[in-house]
Protein backbone atom coordinates (compact mmCIF):
# COMPACT_ATOMS: atom_id res chain seq x y z
CA UNK A 1 87.92 81.07 74.39
CA UNK A 2 91.17 81.57 76.30
CA UNK A 3 90.45 78.53 78.53
CA UNK A 4 90.19 76.20 75.52
CA UNK A 5 93.20 73.83 75.53
CA UNK A 6 93.26 73.60 71.73
CA UNK A 7 93.30 77.40 71.42
CA UNK A 8 96.07 77.67 74.01
CA UNK A 9 98.11 75.15 72.04
CA UNK A 10 97.69 77.18 68.85
CA UNK A 11 98.71 80.41 70.57
CA UNK A 12 101.74 78.73 72.11
CA UNK A 13 102.80 77.59 68.63
CA UNK A 14 102.41 81.17 67.40
CA UNK A 15 104.59 82.45 70.24
CA UNK A 16 107.28 79.86 69.46
CA UNK A 17 107.35 80.91 65.80
CA UNK A 18 107.54 84.61 66.68
CA UNK A 19 110.39 83.93 69.13
CA UNK A 20 112.30 81.91 66.52
CA UNK A 21 111.78 84.57 63.85
CA UNK A 22 112.94 87.37 66.15
CA UNK A 23 116.08 85.42 67.08
CA UNK A 24 117.02 84.30 63.56
CA UNK A 25 115.89 87.09 61.24
CA UNK A 26 117.52 90.49 61.15
CA UNK A 27 115.00 92.49 59.15
CA UNK A 28 111.31 92.79 60.07
CA UNK A 29 110.77 89.30 61.54
CA UNK A 30 107.17 90.19 62.36
CA UNK A 31 106.20 91.54 58.94
CA UNK A 32 102.84 90.16 57.82
CA UNK A 33 100.55 90.51 54.87
CA UNK A 34 97.15 91.89 55.83
CA UNK A 35 94.15 91.16 53.62
CA UNK A 36 90.94 93.16 53.89
CA UNK A 37 87.82 93.45 51.75
CA UNK A 38 85.95 96.60 50.79
CA UNK A 39 82.17 97.08 50.89
CA UNK A 40 81.89 95.75 47.31
CA UNK A 41 83.77 92.55 48.17
CA UNK A 42 87.01 93.56 46.41
CA UNK A 43 90.07 92.26 48.30
CA UNK A 44 93.17 94.27 49.09
CA UNK A 45 96.45 93.10 50.63
CA UNK A 46 99.50 94.91 51.97
CA UNK A 47 102.41 94.39 54.36
CA UNK A 48 102.20 95.66 57.94
CA UNK A 49 104.08 94.88 61.15
CA UNK A 50 102.74 92.87 64.07
CA UNK A 51 102.94 95.17 67.09
CA UNK A 52 101.22 93.10 69.73
CA UNK A 53 100.23 89.52 70.37
CA UNK A 54 98.46 87.74 73.20
CA UNK A 55 95.42 85.53 73.78
CA UNK A 56 93.17 88.37 72.59
CA UNK A 57 94.71 88.37 69.11
CA UNK A 58 97.18 89.98 66.72
CA UNK A 59 97.62 93.77 66.77
CA UNK A 60 98.78 96.27 64.15
CA UNK A 61 98.45 100.06 64.07
CA UNK A 62 97.36 102.44 61.32
CA UNK A 63 95.45 105.58 60.44
CA UNK A 64 91.79 104.62 60.58
CA UNK A 65 91.10 106.80 57.52
CA UNK A 66 93.59 104.82 55.42
CA UNK A 67 92.25 102.45 52.79
CA UNK A 68 92.61 99.48 55.13
CA UNK A 69 91.01 101.44 57.97
CA UNK A 70 88.01 102.29 55.82
CA UNK A 71 87.71 98.69 54.63
CA UNK A 72 87.82 97.41 58.19
CA UNK A 73 85.13 99.91 59.17
CA UNK A 74 82.79 98.56 56.49
CA UNK A 75 83.78 94.90 56.86
CA UNK A 76 85.61 94.20 60.16
CA UNK A 77 87.22 90.93 59.13
CA UNK A 78 90.77 90.25 58.00
CA UNK A 79 93.32 87.63 57.12
CA UNK A 80 96.99 87.88 58.01
CA UNK A 81 99.89 85.77 56.81
CA UNK A 82 103.48 85.45 58.01
CA UNK A 83 106.05 83.64 55.90
CA UNK A 84 109.54 82.93 57.14
CA UNK A 85 111.55 81.34 54.34
CA UNK A 86 114.55 80.71 56.60
CA UNK A 87 112.33 78.73 58.98
CA UNK A 88 110.30 77.11 56.21
CA UNK A 89 107.23 78.14 58.17
CA UNK A 90 104.04 79.99 57.33
CA UNK A 91 101.32 81.15 59.71
CA UNK A 92 97.87 82.18 58.49
CA UNK A 93 95.22 83.75 60.72
CA UNK A 94 91.65 84.83 59.93
CA UNK A 95 89.17 86.54 62.17
CA UNK A 96 87.05 89.48 63.19
CA UNK A 97 88.83 92.79 63.73
CA UNK A 98 88.24 95.08 66.68
CA UNK A 99 89.60 98.48 67.64
CA UNK A 100 92.34 98.53 70.27
CA UNK A 101 91.55 100.78 73.24
CA UNK A 102 93.04 104.24 73.72
CA UNK A 103 95.25 103.22 76.66
CA UNK A 104 96.89 100.42 74.69
CA UNK A 105 97.20 102.58 71.56
CA UNK A 106 98.77 105.41 73.60
CA UNK A 107 101.26 103.01 75.18
CA UNK A 108 102.40 101.75 71.78
CA UNK A 109 102.48 105.30 70.33
CA UNK A 110 104.95 106.31 73.01
CA UNK A 111 107.40 103.58 71.89
CA UNK A 112 107.59 104.98 68.34
CA UNK A 113 110.43 107.23 67.27
CA UNK A 114 109.72 110.96 67.19
CA UNK A 115 110.00 111.05 63.39
CA UNK A 116 107.53 108.15 63.08
CA UNK A 117 105.11 109.99 65.35
CA UNK A 118 105.41 113.22 63.37
CA UNK A 119 105.03 111.40 60.05
CA UNK A 120 101.94 109.53 61.27
CA UNK A 121 100.42 112.78 62.53
CA UNK A 122 101.15 114.58 59.23
CA UNK A 123 100.09 111.81 56.89
CA UNK A 124 96.67 111.70 55.29
CA UNK A 125 97.36 108.03 54.68
CA UNK A 126 96.22 106.64 51.32
CA UNK A 127 95.08 110.08 50.07
CA UNK A 128 96.63 111.52 46.88
CA UNK A 129 99.83 113.51 47.55
CA UNK A 130 100.38 116.10 44.82
CA UNK A 131 103.88 117.10 45.98
CA UNK A 132 106.14 115.17 48.36
CA UNK A 133 107.51 118.46 49.69
CA UNK A 134 104.09 119.27 51.16
CA UNK A 135 104.32 116.20 53.38
CA UNK A 136 107.91 116.90 54.41
CA UNK A 137 107.05 120.53 55.21
CA UNK A 138 104.09 119.39 57.33
CA UNK A 139 106.35 117.02 59.30
CA UNK A 140 108.80 119.87 59.96
CA UNK A 141 105.98 122.22 60.97
CA UNK A 142 104.60 119.68 63.43
CA UNK A 143 108.11 119.22 64.84
CA UNK A 144 108.16 122.94 65.66
CA UNK A 145 104.60 122.87 66.97
CA UNK A 146 105.35 119.93 69.28
CA UNK A 147 108.92 120.36 70.59
CA UNK A 148 108.21 117.83 73.33
CA UNK A 149 105.81 114.92 73.32
CA UNK A 150 103.83 114.38 70.11
CA UNK A 151 100.19 113.52 70.90
CA UNK A 152 98.66 110.51 69.20
CA UNK A 153 96.16 111.53 66.53
CA UNK A 154 92.59 110.45 67.35
CA UNK A 155 92.35 108.68 63.98
CA UNK A 156 95.51 106.62 64.57
CA UNK A 157 95.10 103.51 66.69
CA UNK A 158 95.44 99.76 66.83
CA UNK A 159 93.37 97.04 65.27
CA UNK A 160 93.25 93.53 66.73
CA UNK A 161 92.58 90.46 64.59
CA UNK A 162 90.66 88.14 66.92
CA UNK A 163 91.36 84.69 65.46
CA UNK A 164 88.80 82.10 64.52
CA UNK A 165 91.16 80.21 62.17
CA UNK A 166 94.89 79.65 62.71
CA UNK A 167 96.82 77.54 60.23
CA UNK A 168 100.44 76.41 60.51
CA UNK A 169 102.35 75.33 57.40
CA UNK A 170 105.76 73.67 57.63
CA UNK A 171 107.74 73.16 54.44
CA UNK A 172 109.04 69.68 53.67
CA UNK A 173 110.97 68.20 50.74
CA UNK A 174 109.04 67.01 47.72
CA UNK A 175 105.95 69.03 48.65
CA UNK A 176 105.38 66.76 51.65
CA UNK A 177 104.43 69.85 53.64
CA UNK A 178 102.65 69.73 56.98
CA UNK A 179 99.50 71.78 57.52
CA UNK A 180 97.69 72.00 60.84
CA UNK A 181 94.48 73.98 61.22
CA UNK A 182 93.03 75.24 64.48
CA UNK A 183 89.47 76.48 64.05
CA UNK A 184 86.92 77.92 66.44
CA UNK A 185 83.64 76.04 66.53
CA UNK A 186 80.39 76.93 68.25
CA UNK A 187 81.62 76.16 71.75
CA UNK A 188 85.27 75.11 71.42
CA UNK A 189 88.33 75.04 69.19
CA UNK A 190 89.30 71.98 67.18
CA UNK A 191 92.49 70.87 65.48
CA UNK A 192 92.65 69.13 62.11
CA UNK A 193 95.46 68.13 59.77
CA UNK A 194 95.14 69.19 56.12
CA UNK A 195 96.61 67.73 52.95
CA UNK A 196 99.51 69.84 51.64
């Protein structure tokens, strides 16, 4: 896949957009909507942050027992969408999702702030929280328990969306938008232009 010229072109376009967004936008330039589907086929979407990107795919991190983690366990496919109004650009990606390895997850974990690490370790993400104080007390308790490095919880790791569809949308006046689709076929990627 990575030797396919069409695929390389699509990934280079992604990199250019990410670079532009990071230079021009102050707040969360790599925020993306993540769509998953549960075992019954019911869709769910939420915002997450892109935390890694290369020819293998698009990486985000979460508690695997969260709602999205459970949905990905039962149906390991996802769609992600970036929209940068200031750039008049949108990027949509669909593909199979795979677990990121422990070494890569550990490396990212170590870049997180201490409070983020403690909160991730304390959180039973997506479960009902009867009293906010319980969560805050647990974070404080873990801070005392781990005065130094905070170990990554086994249930917290990265997920990689391995693309098989990448679509670029560029806004133009009068709804004369440009849409370019890169799609994986049986043995190679192909590029097509879509009506707006």
